[in-house]
C-alpha atoms as a PDB file:
ATOM      1  CA  MET A   1      -1.464  19.934  30.938  1.00  0.00           C
ATOM      2  CA  LYS A   2       0.987  21.723  29.106  1.00  0.00           C
ATOM      3  CA  SER A   3       2.696  18.515  27.687  1.00  0.00           C
ATOM      4  CA  LYS A   4      -0.354  17.140  26.277  1.00  0.00           C
ATOM      5  CA  MET A   5      -0.952  20.448  24.225  1.00  0.00           C
ATOM      6  CA  THR A   6       2.166  20.665  23.154  1.00  0.00           C
ATOM      7  CA  LEU A   7       1.694  16.912  21.631  1.00  0.00           C
ATOM      8  CA  GLU A   8      -1.518  17.988  20.338  1.00  0.00           C
ATOM      9  CA  SER A   9      -0.059  20.905  18.762  1.00  0.00           C
ATOM     10  CA  GLN A  10       2.777  18.994  17.203  1.00  0.00           C
ATOM     11  CA  HIS A  11       0.138  16.259  15.847  1.00  0.00           C
ATOM     12  CA  LEU A  12      -1.773  19.405  14.114  1.00  0.00           C
ATOM     13  CA  GLU A  13       1.343  20.609  12.622  1.00  0.00           C
ATOM     14  CA  ALA A  14       2.237  17.096  11.153  1.00  0.00           C
ATOM     15  CA  MET A  15      -1.077  16.981   9.957  1.00  0.00           C
ATOM     16  CA  ALA A  16      -0.847  20.472   8.047  1.00  0.00           C
ATOM     17  CA  PHE A  17       2.393  19.609   6.995  1.00  0.00           C
ATOM     18  CA  CYS A  18       1.164  16.328   5.169  1.00  0.00           C
ATOM     19  CA  ALA A  19      -1.716  18.230   3.756  1.00  0.00           C
ATOM     20  CA  THR A  20       0.505  20.916   2.287  1.00  0.00           C
ATOM     21  CA  VAL A  21       2.633  18.117   0.636  1.00  0.00           C
ATOM     22  CA  ASP A  22      -0.394  16.908  -0.885  1.00  0.00           C
ATOM     23  CA  VAL A  23      -1.759  20.071  -2.303  1.00  0.00           C
ATOM     24  CA  ILE A  24       1.852  20.669  -3.727  1.00  0.00           C
ATOM     25  CA  ARG A  25       1.945  17.493  -5.232  1.00  0.00           C
ATOM     26  CA  LYS A  26      -1.590  17.664  -6.799  1.00  0.00           C
ATOM     27  CA  ALA A  27      -1.024  21.338  -8.058  1.00  0.00           C
ATOM     28  CA  LYS A  28       1.837  19.751  -9.791  1.00  0.00           C
ATOM     29  CA  GLY A  29      -0.016  16.942 -11.483  1.00  0.00           C
ATOM     30  CA  LYS A  30       1.716  14.134  -9.354  1.00  0.00           C
ATOM     31  CA  ARG A  31      -0.030  10.913  -8.727  1.00  0.00           C
ATOM     32  CA  CYS A  32      -0.511   9.829  -4.937  1.00  0.00           C
ATOM     33  CA  PRO A  33       0.157   6.495  -3.815  1.00  0.00           C
ATOM     34  CA  GLU A  34      -3.568   6.014  -3.333  1.00  0.00           C
ATOM     35  CA  ASP A  35      -4.256   5.726  -6.961  1.00  0.00           C
ATOM     36  CA  PHE A  36      -2.449   2.765  -7.778  1.00  0.00           C
ATOM     37  CA  PRO A  37      -3.048  -0.764  -6.788  1.00  0.00           C
ATOM     38  CA  MET A  38      -1.839  -2.024  -3.278  1.00  0.00           C
ATOM     39  CA  GLY A  39       1.373  -3.781  -3.563  1.00  0.00           C
ATOM     40  CA  SER A  40       2.186  -2.677  -7.123  1.00  0.00           C
ATOM     41  CA  ILE A  41       5.407  -1.197  -8.417  1.00  0.00           C
ATOM     42  CA  ALA A  42       3.575   1.915  -9.389  1.00  0.00           C
ATOM     43  CA  ARG A  43       2.170   2.692  -5.892  1.00  0.00           C
ATOM     44  CA  MET A  44       5.994   1.850  -4.421  1.00  0.00           C
ATOM     45  CA  LEU A  45       6.999   4.296  -6.797  1.00  0.00           C
ATOM     46  CA  ALA A  46       4.562   7.018  -5.871  1.00  0.00           C
ATOM     47  CA  GLU A  47       5.545   6.285  -2.284  1.00  0.00           C
ATOM     48  CA  VAL A  48       8.849   7.099  -2.699  1.00  0.00           C
ATOM     49  CA  ASP A  49       8.193  10.170  -4.726  1.00  0.00           C
ATOM     50  CA  VAL A  50       6.181  11.236  -1.857  1.00  0.00           C
ATOM     51  CA  ILE A  51       9.234  10.638   0.507  1.00  0.00           C
ATOM     52  CA  SER A  52      11.167  12.620  -1.642  1.00  0.00           C
ATOM     53  CA  ASP A  53       9.068  15.324  -2.010  1.00  0.00           C
ATOM     54  CA  THR A  54       8.242  15.284   1.794  1.00  0.00           C
ATOM     55  CA  LEU A  55      12.135  15.442   2.616  1.00  0.00           C
ATOM     56  CA  ARG A  56      12.776  17.938   0.077  1.00  0.00           C
ATOM     57  CA  MET A  57      10.409  20.441   1.634  1.00  0.00           C
ATOM     58  CA  LEU A  58      11.871  19.904   5.025  1.00  0.00           C
ATOM     59  CA  GLY A  59      15.174  20.985   3.692  1.00  0.00           C
ATOM     60  CA  ILE A  60      16.891  17.659   3.672  1.00  0.00           C
ATOM     61  CA  GLU A  61      18.491  16.730  -0.258  1.00  0.00           C
ATOM     62  CA  THR A  62      18.001  13.482  -1.441  1.00  0.00           C
ATOM     63  CA  SER A  63      18.989  11.482  -4.458  1.00  0.00           C
ATOM     64  CA  VAL A  64      16.592   9.212  -5.493  1.00  0.00           C
ATOM     65  CA  THR A  65      15.931   7.670  -9.211  1.00  0.00           C
ATOM     66  CA  THR A  66      12.972   6.069 -10.001  1.00  0.00           C
ATOM     67  CA  GLY A  67      13.669   5.094 -13.636  1.00  0.00           C
ATOM     68  CA  CYS A  68      10.690   7.013 -14.812  1.00  0.00           C
ATOM     69  CA  ASP A  69       8.922  10.366 -14.461  1.00  0.00           C
ATOM     70  CA  ALA A  70       7.112  10.592 -11.338  1.00  0.00           C
ATOM     71  CA  GLY A  71       4.480  12.935 -12.406  1.00  0.00           C
ATOM     72  CA  SER A  72       3.437  10.355 -15.009  1.00  0.00           C
ATOM     73  CA  SER A  73       2.200   6.672 -15.081  1.00  0.00           C
ATOM     74  CA  LYS A  74       4.766   6.124 -17.966  1.00  0.00           C
ATOM     75  CA  GLY A  75       6.517   2.881 -16.808  1.00  0.00           C
ATOM     76  CA  LEU A  76       5.401   2.683 -13.957  1.00  0.00           C
ATOM     77  CA  ASP A  77       4.250  -1.000 -14.222  1.00  0.00           C
ATOM     78  CA  ASP A  78       7.355  -2.230 -15.410  1.00  0.00           C
ATOM     79  CA  ALA A  79       9.348  -3.595 -12.784  1.00  0.00           C
ATOM     80  CA  SER A  80      12.838  -2.960 -14.546  1.00  0.00           C
ATOM     81  CA  ASP A  81      12.162   0.634 -13.335  1.00  0.00           C
ATOM     82  CA  SER A  82      13.232  -0.289  -9.752  1.00  0.00           C
ATOM     83  CA  PRO A  83      13.951   2.793  -7.565  1.00  0.00           C
ATOM     84  CA  GLN A  84      17.291   3.572  -6.244  1.00  0.00           C
ATOM     85  CA  LEU A  85      17.271   5.383  -2.979  1.00  0.00           C
ATOM     86  CA  HIS A  86      20.194   6.867  -1.539  1.00  0.00           C
ATOM     87  CA  LEU A  87      20.867   8.199   1.701  1.00  0.00           C
ATOM     88  CA  PRO A  88      20.104  11.879   2.491  1.00  0.00           C
ATOM     89  CA  THR A  89      22.235  14.417   3.384  1.00  0.00           C
ATOM     90  CA  MET A  90      21.863  17.472   5.087  1.00  0.00           C
ATOM     91  CA  ASN A  91      23.782  20.699   3.831  1.00  0.00           C
ATOM     92  CA  GLY A  92      25.544  18.778   1.164  1.00  0.00           C
ATOM     93  CA  ASN A  93      27.158  16.525   3.886  1.00  0.00           C
ATOM     94  CA  ALA A  94      27.449  12.884   3.700  1.00  0.00           C
END
């Protein structure tokens, strides 16, 4: 029984964390991946930005270059703006 409660608790904590990330992104004026058409470059860039924000909130530093301002739609439809995602580092260690 205790194991089931732990799993339920972890699930609720994960949902609360995701909701927190979404609220902070919205307050900063950042768009959600769902705001863009499925399969579009804009949606992919927004997804990368959400992942980057999530990792940052977890204390994991990332080096993500999207080629455009993640908070705006400027340049999001240009295929030349492909993101370059580098592996995250923990506490500055590679």
